[in-house]
Amino acid sequence: MSLESLRDKAFFQNSIDVWIMLCEEKKWEYSEIKNYLKFIDHLFSNSIKIQRFPLCIKESGGMFERGKDKTAFLENLSKIQSDNASAFTIKLTESNISKIRSFEID
């Protein structure tokens, strides 16, 4: 699956699902919290308009195994004291997808 296929489901997506999809595309492990926080910094620094989004941890699953892993990721994220340790709404325009894909893990 790709970011475009995620956009096909809904034009606005939450940052957690965008992060997971980006990690799948780049063959990264999405459960690394510090990389997610850097990703959110990247979105802000590239002037991507995002808004905080209340995401219910228990309802954020999907396929069973991935849903279980995603729930664990969100529970760990909720323990971090940072403005970036949240879910945000992102509009998946072509421009934003390009900026999202420009993110690299150090």
Protein backbone atom coordinates (compact mmCIF):
# COMPACT_ATOMS: atom_id res chain seq x y z
CA MET A 1 0.00 0.00 0.00
CA SER A 2 1.12 3.59 -0.60
CA LEU A 3 0.33 7.08 0.64
CA GLU A 4 -1.78 7.56 -2.50
CA SER A 5 -3.86 4.50 -1.67
CA LEU A 6 -4.32 5.87 1.85
CA ARG A 7 -5.50 9.16 0.30
CA ASP A 8 -7.95 7.21 -1.88
CA LYS A 9 -9.66 6.01 1.31
CA ALA A 10 -9.96 9.55 2.70
CA PHE A 11 -8.36 12.85 1.68
CA PHE A 12 -7.69 13.75 5.32
CA GLN A 13 -5.81 11.16 7.37
CA ASN A 14 -4.42 11.00 10.88
CA SER A 15 -0.66 11.33 11.29
CA ILE A 16 -0.34 7.88 12.86
CA ASP A 17 -1.68 6.13 9.77
CA VAL A 18 0.39 8.38 7.51
CA TRP A 19 3.49 7.57 9.57
CA ILE A 20 2.81 3.83 9.40
CA MET A 21 2.26 3.99 5.64
CA LEU A 22 5.44 6.03 5.11
CA CYS A 23 7.36 3.46 7.16
CA GLU A 24 5.93 0.64 5.08
CA GLU A 25 6.98 2.42 1.89
CA LYS A 26 10.51 3.01 3.20
CA LYS A 27 10.80 -0.36 5.00
CA TRP A 28 11.25 1.28 8.41
CA GLU A 29 9.96 0.10 11.76
CA TYR A 30 7.12 2.45 12.70
CA SER A 31 7.13 1.69 16.44
CA GLU A 32 10.18 3.89 17.18
CA ILE A 33 8.63 6.83 19.05
CA LYS A 34 11.60 9.20 18.64
CA ASN A 35 11.35 8.85 14.85
CA TYR A 36 7.63 9.64 14.92
CA LEU A 37 8.38 12.80 16.93
CA LYS A 38 11.01 13.80 14.35
CA PHE A 39 8.47 13.12 11.61
CA ILE A 40 6.00 15.53 13.23
CA ASP A 41 8.80 18.14 13.49
CA HIS A 42 9.41 17.56 9.78
CA LEU A 43 5.76 18.24 8.99
CA PHE A 44 5.80 21.49 10.95
CA SER A 45 9.12 22.63 9.45
CA ASN A 46 7.79 21.99 5.93
CA SER A 47 4.72 24.15 6.56
CA ILE A 48 2.28 21.28 6.28
CA LYS A 49 -0.90 22.42 7.99
CA ILE A 50 -1.82 19.88 10.61
CA GLN A 51 -4.26 20.00 13.48
CA ARG A 52 -4.33 17.99 16.67
CA PHE A 53 -6.73 15.08 16.34
CA PRO A 54 -8.22 13.10 19.24
CA LEU A 55 -7.51 9.47 18.41
CA CYS A 56 -9.01 6.80 20.62
CA ILE A 57 -6.32 4.20 21.29
CA LYS A 58 -8.74 1.30 21.61
CA GLU A 59 -10.48 2.07 18.29
CA SER A 60 -7.36 2.71 16.22
CA GLY A 61 -6.63 -0.88 15.26
CA GLY A 62 -7.32 -2.45 11.94
CA MET A 63 -6.08 -5.84 10.94
CA PHE A 64 -5.62 -7.79 14.17
CA GLU A 65 -1.81 -8.07 14.43
CA ARG A 66 -1.15 -4.61 13.09
CA GLY A 67 -3.98 -3.23 15.21
CA LYS A 68 -2.41 -4.75 18.31
CA ASP A 69 1.01 -3.30 17.41
CA LYS A 70 -0.54 0.07 16.59
CA THR A 71 -2.34 0.11 19.94
CA ALA A 72 0.96 -0.56 21.74
CA PHE A 73 2.61 2.24 19.75
CA LEU A 74 -0.17 4.68 20.69
CA GLU A 75 -0.05 3.67 24.35
CA ASN A 76 3.72 4.33 24.41
CA LEU A 77 3.23 7.62 22.57
CA SER A 78 0.62 8.74 25.11
CA LYS A 79 3.26 8.49 27.87
CA ILE A 80 5.53 11.07 26.19
CA GLN A 81 5.34 14.67 27.40
CA SER A 82 5.67 16.56 24.13
CA ASP A 83 3.38 18.66 21.95
CA ASN A 84 4.39 16.40 19.04
CA ALA A 85 3.35 13.22 20.85
CA SER A 86 -0.16 13.41 19.47
CA ALA A 87 -2.15 12.45 16.45
CA PHE A 88 -2.80 15.14 13.89
CA THR A 89 -5.02 15.49 10.83
CA ILE A 90 -3.12 15.80 7.54
CA LYS A 91 -4.54 16.71 4.13
CA LEU A 92 -2.91 14.33 1.64
CA THR A 93 -2.37 16.64 -1.32
CA GLU A 94 0.29 15.79 -3.92
CA SER A 95 2.48 18.53 -2.46
CA ASN A 96 2.08 17.26 1.10
CA ILE A 97 2.76 13.66 0.05
CA SER A 98 5.97 14.83 -1.60
CA LYS A 99 7.03 16.67 1.56
CA ILE A 100 6.10 13.66 3.70
CA ARG A 101 8.24 11.39 1.55
CA SER A 102 11.21 13.74 1.86
CA PHE A 103 11.48 12.80 5.55
CA GLU A 104 14.54 10.70 6.34
CA ILE A 105 15.57 9.00 9.56
CA ASP A 106 19.00 10.13 10.74
